[in-house]
Structures are given as structure tokens and as C-alpha cells.
Amino acid sequence: MKIKVGHIIGVATLLLVSCYSNNCPVDNMVTCNYGFYDSEGTAITYRDTITVTTLMPGYKTVYTYRKLGNITVTKDYPDEELVNQGYTESATQQRKDTILVNQLYGASSMKVPMSYFNEMDTLILSYKSITLKDTIKIKHSGYPNVELPECGTYRFHTLHQVTATDAAIDHIEISDSKVNYDGKTNIKIFFNGVVE
């Protein structure tokens, strides 16, 4: 019995040691880091609510249901039960947009993931205080990065060009073209609006 218990403890210890590696980075999320500045270049806390949406390729069908005296219902699939309840159904095609940052308020920076295989990301910034939106376009190239086989593969990016519209953005620039998990500010957004 003593030999079996010792054997089990030895095997368990080997399994734990073989799965552990202190050489892998702890903070290994790859995001493009944006810093917020006023039009003069001073770091700020932006005092408006920002939602960031990315444009995905392709379209999806959205079903809208309306009935007099009731709220409008929108679904990603047809709902025969609502039609049987007297709702009218209309189907429309919409882009497959995805929200990346939802209602960010009072922030001095934001982290946004990048697409793995597209050469350009398009971000739409919506603001609570103004109706106009800003569009940011980022040209980049991605490449796999493997530090150690046990750590897995990460997709790093190199930024080549960034442009933005001017609803709330004065101008935009690349400050560090290497997007990895080191946490440096990659893109500086210079706002012309609501600041600290």
C-alpha cells in the first residue's frame, strides 16, 4: 500500500511540473492600445460615452416586428409566433457589425482587438453627446509569434497607416507600430471635444 501511494504522488507531481512553465507571459492578450489626448497633445480623460463598432464582411438578415400599440421587436431569426399575434414582419439586410467597446466613459485609453487576417480594420466610434460618428481605418499586417511551444501562438501586428474622420477627432497618429502584449500605446487619438 505504501508503494502505491508513493507511486501515485510521484506521478501527480510529474504531471503538475510538466504542465507548469513560468516562462510564458502572464498578460498575453494582444490588443491595439489607444491613448486619448486633446488637440494640443496633452493626455486627457475623455468625458463622453464612446461605443466602438467594427465592420465585419458580409450581411445578415434582421427581422422587425411591429404591432400598433406595442413596442417594436427586432430578431435575428423569423418568429412565427409574433406573426400569429398580429405583428407585421419585415426583413432587411444589415452589415455584420460587432461591438468591441461598449459605452466607455471617463477613460484615458482603450484596448481594441485587431482582425487576424484582414489587412484593414474599420472602426466606427459613436458618441453620446453628438450625433455624428467617427470612422478610423487601420492598415496593418499580422504575423504569428511563438516564444515557447508550451505558451502557444499569438497573432502580433504591425501598423502601417491610420486615418480618421473629424466628428470629434482632431487628428490621429501611430505612436508604436508593433502591436503585441507589451501594453504600449499604439495609436494616439487627439480629440477636439469633451475633455477633462
Protein backbone atom coordinates (compact mmCIF):
# COMPACT_ATOMS: atom_id res chain seq x y z
CA MET A 1 0.00 0.00 0.00
CA LYS A 2 2.86 2.43 0.80
CA ILE A 3 4.42 1.80 -2.60
CA LYS A 4 1.16 2.54 -4.46
CA VAL A 5 0.55 5.80 -2.59
CA GLY A 6 4.15 6.91 -3.21
CA HIS A 7 3.85 6.00 -6.86
CA ILE A 8 0.59 7.99 -7.24
CA ILE A 9 2.12 11.04 -5.54
CA GLY A 10 5.18 10.83 -7.78
CA VAL A 11 3.10 10.63 -10.99
CA ALA A 12 0.88 13.53 -9.86
CA THR A 13 3.96 15.64 -9.10
CA LEU A 14 5.45 14.92 -12.53
CA LEU A 15 2.17 15.88 -14.24
CA LEU A 16 1.97 19.16 -12.34
CA VAL A 17 5.58 20.06 -13.07
CA SER A 18 5.30 19.16 -16.76
CA CYS A 19 2.24 21.45 -17.18
CA TYR A 20 3.83 24.41 -15.45
CA SER A 21 6.02 26.95 -17.19
CA ASN A 22 6.97 30.27 -15.65
CA ASN A 23 8.45 31.46 -18.96
CA CYS A 24 5.06 32.20 -20.56
CA PRO A 25 3.79 35.79 -20.32
CA VAL A 26 1.05 36.28 -17.75
CA ASP A 27 -0.62 39.23 -19.52
CA ASN A 28 -0.78 37.81 -23.04
CA MET A 29 -3.82 39.49 -24.59
CA VAL A 30 -2.91 41.12 -27.89
CA THR A 31 -4.83 44.39 -28.38
CA CYS A 32 -4.21 47.65 -30.16
CA ASN A 33 -3.88 50.25 -27.41
CA TYR A 34 -5.32 53.74 -27.98
CA GLY A 35 -4.37 56.74 -25.86
CA PHE A 36 -6.59 59.84 -25.60
CA TYR A 37 -5.16 63.35 -25.98
CA ASP A 38 -6.50 66.84 -26.55
CA SER A 39 -5.74 68.62 -29.83
CA GLU A 40 -2.56 70.09 -28.31
CA GLY A 41 -1.14 66.69 -27.33
CA THR A 42 -1.86 66.63 -23.59
CA ALA A 43 -3.07 63.28 -22.18
CA ILE A 44 -6.73 63.57 -21.14
CA THR A 45 -9.66 61.72 -19.68
CA TYR A 46 -12.37 61.84 -22.32
CA ARG A 47 -15.70 62.91 -20.82
CA ASP A 48 -18.12 61.43 -23.29
CA THR A 49 -19.52 57.92 -23.73
CA ILE A 50 -17.88 56.06 -26.63
CA THR A 51 -19.04 52.85 -28.29
CA VAL A 52 -16.67 51.23 -30.80
CA THR A 53 -18.08 49.02 -33.54
CA THR A 54 -16.15 47.18 -36.22
CA LEU A 55 -17.44 46.48 -39.71
CA MET A 56 -17.46 42.77 -40.48
CA PRO A 57 -17.57 41.40 -44.03
CA GLY A 58 -20.94 40.25 -45.33
CA TYR A 59 -24.53 40.84 -44.36
CA LYS A 60 -27.19 39.25 -42.15
CA THR A 61 -30.98 39.26 -42.33
CA VAL A 62 -32.75 41.08 -39.48
CA TYR A 63 -36.47 40.60 -38.82
CA THR A 64 -38.50 43.53 -37.43
CA TYR A 65 -41.95 43.02 -35.93
CA ARG A 66 -44.43 45.88 -35.46
CA LYS A 67 -47.92 46.00 -33.96
CA LEU A 68 -49.92 49.13 -33.21
CA GLY A 69 -49.73 49.98 -29.50
CA ASN A 70 -46.80 47.62 -28.84
CA ILE A 71 -43.05 48.04 -28.82
CA THR A 72 -41.11 47.14 -31.97
CA VAL A 73 -39.30 43.79 -31.72
CA THR A 74 -36.14 43.01 -33.69
CA LYS A 75 -34.77 39.47 -34.03
CA ASP A 76 -32.06 37.66 -35.99
CA TYR A 77 -34.50 34.90 -36.95
CA PRO A 78 -38.12 34.75 -38.16
CA ASP A 79 -40.68 34.41 -35.34
CA GLU A 80 -43.97 32.86 -36.50
CA GLU A 81 -45.48 33.23 -33.02
CA LEU A 82 -45.28 37.04 -33.23
CA VAL A 83 -46.91 36.97 -36.69
CA ASN A 84 -49.73 34.84 -35.23
CA GLN A 85 -50.17 37.51 -32.52
CA GLY A 86 -50.84 40.15 -35.19
CA TYR A 87 -47.36 41.64 -35.66
CA THR A 88 -46.25 42.57 -39.17
CA GLU A 89 -42.88 41.19 -40.21
CA SER A 90 -40.31 42.94 -42.37
CA ALA A 91 -36.91 41.52 -43.27
CA THR A 92 -33.91 43.74 -44.02
CA GLN A 93 -30.26 43.14 -44.79
CA GLN A 94 -27.74 44.64 -42.37
CA ARG A 95 -23.98 44.50 -42.06
CA LYS A 96 -22.50 42.02 -39.59
CA ASP A 97 -21.13 44.67 -37.27
CA THR A 98 -19.66 43.78 -33.88
CA ILE A 99 -19.38 45.99 -30.80
CA LEU A 100 -15.81 45.89 -29.47
CA VAL A 101 -16.08 48.57 -26.77
CA ASN A 102 -19.48 49.30 -25.25
CA GLN A 103 -20.24 52.64 -23.56
CA LEU A 104 -16.76 53.57 -22.41
CA TYR A 105 -16.93 56.69 -20.23
CA GLY A 106 -14.32 58.82 -18.46
CA ALA A 107 -11.38 56.90 -19.89
CA SER A 108 -7.88 57.96 -20.90
CA SER A 109 -7.31 54.93 -23.14
CA MET A 110 -8.94 51.88 -24.65
CA LYS A 111 -7.86 48.44 -25.84
CA VAL A 112 -9.31 47.08 -29.07
CA PRO A 113 -8.63 43.65 -30.62
CA MET A 114 -7.49 43.52 -34.22
CA SER A 115 -8.64 41.24 -37.01
CA TYR A 116 -6.38 38.27 -37.63
CA PHE A 117 -6.37 38.08 -41.40
CA ASN A 118 -7.75 41.35 -42.80
CA GLU A 119 -5.24 43.96 -43.90
CA MET A 120 -7.51 46.83 -42.83
CA ASP A 121 -9.72 47.26 -39.78
CA THR A 122 -12.55 49.79 -39.86
CA LEU A 123 -13.78 51.09 -36.51
CA ILE A 124 -16.87 53.27 -36.00
CA LEU A 125 -16.81 55.48 -32.88
CA SER A 126 -20.27 56.57 -31.69
CA TYR A 127 -20.60 59.31 -29.08
CA LYS A 128 -23.42 60.06 -26.65
CA SER A 129 -23.16 63.86 -26.83
CA ILE A 130 -23.01 64.22 -30.64
CA THR A 131 -24.96 62.50 -33.42
CA LEU A 132 -22.05 62.31 -35.85
CA LYS A 133 -19.73 59.30 -35.75
CA ASP A 134 -16.02 58.93 -36.46
CA THR A 135 -14.52 56.26 -38.69
CA ILE A 136 -10.99 55.04 -38.03
CA LYS A 137 -9.23 52.92 -40.67
CA ILE A 138 -6.10 50.99 -39.69
CA LYS A 139 -3.89 49.29 -42.29
CA HIS A 140 -1.81 46.53 -40.70
CA SER A 141 -0.18 43.18 -41.28
CA GLY A 142 -0.40 40.24 -38.90
CA TYR A 143 2.08 37.51 -38.17
CA PRO A 144 2.21 34.54 -35.78
CA ASN A 145 4.52 34.79 -32.77
CA VAL A 146 5.74 31.74 -30.83
CA GLU A 147 8.01 32.36 -27.85
CA LEU A 148 7.91 28.84 -26.44
CA PRO A 149 5.91 25.87 -27.77
CA GLU A 150 4.16 25.39 -24.41
CA CYS A 151 2.96 29.01 -24.44
CA GLY A 152 1.00 28.72 -27.68
CA THR A 153 0.89 31.03 -30.69
CA TYR A 154 -0.12 34.69 -30.58
CA ARG A 155 -1.02 36.91 -33.51
CA PHE A 156 1.05 40.10 -33.46
CA HIS A 157 0.51 43.01 -35.86
CA THR A 158 2.49 45.81 -37.47
CA LEU A 159 0.62 49.07 -38.06
CA HIS A 160 1.26 50.76 -41.41
CA GLN A 161 -1.26 53.60 -41.64
CA VAL A 162 -4.15 55.07 -39.65
CA THR A 163 -6.74 57.63 -40.75
CA ALA A 164 -9.82 59.10 -39.05
CA THR A 165 -12.76 61.36 -39.80
CA ASP A 166 -13.24 64.57 -37.81
CA ALA A 167 -16.57 64.48 -35.97
CA ALA A 168 -14.88 64.51 -32.53
CA ILE A 169 -11.33 63.62 -33.55
CA ASP A 170 -8.90 66.42 -34.39
CA HIS A 171 -6.26 64.04 -35.74
CA ILE A 172 -4.80 60.58 -35.16
CA GLU A 173 -1.30 59.07 -35.34
CA ILE A 174 0.66 55.85 -34.83
CA SER A 175 2.92 56.07 -31.77
CA ASP A 176 4.17 52.44 -31.70
CA SER A 177 3.65 50.30 -34.81
CA LYS A 178 4.27 46.96 -33.03
CA VAL A 179 1.02 45.55 -31.62
CA ASN A 180 1.76 42.79 -29.13
CA TYR A 181 1.04 42.21 -25.45
CA ASP A 182 3.57 44.69 -24.02
CA GLY A 183 0.86 47.31 -23.25
CA LYS A 184 2.44 50.30 -25.03
CA THR A 185 0.19 52.91 -26.65
CA ASN A 186 -0.01 52.06 -30.35
CA ILE A 187 -2.31 54.83 -31.59
CA LYS A 188 -2.90 58.32 -30.22
CA ILE A 189 -6.34 59.87 -30.73
CA PHE A 190 -6.37 63.66 -30.45
CA PHE A 191 -9.92 64.80 -29.63
CA ASN A 192 -11.34 68.25 -30.28
CA GLY A 193 -14.35 67.88 -27.97
CA VAL A 194 -15.46 66.93 -24.45
CA VAL A 195 -12.41 66.64 -22.22
CA GLU A 196 -11.44 66.82 -18.55
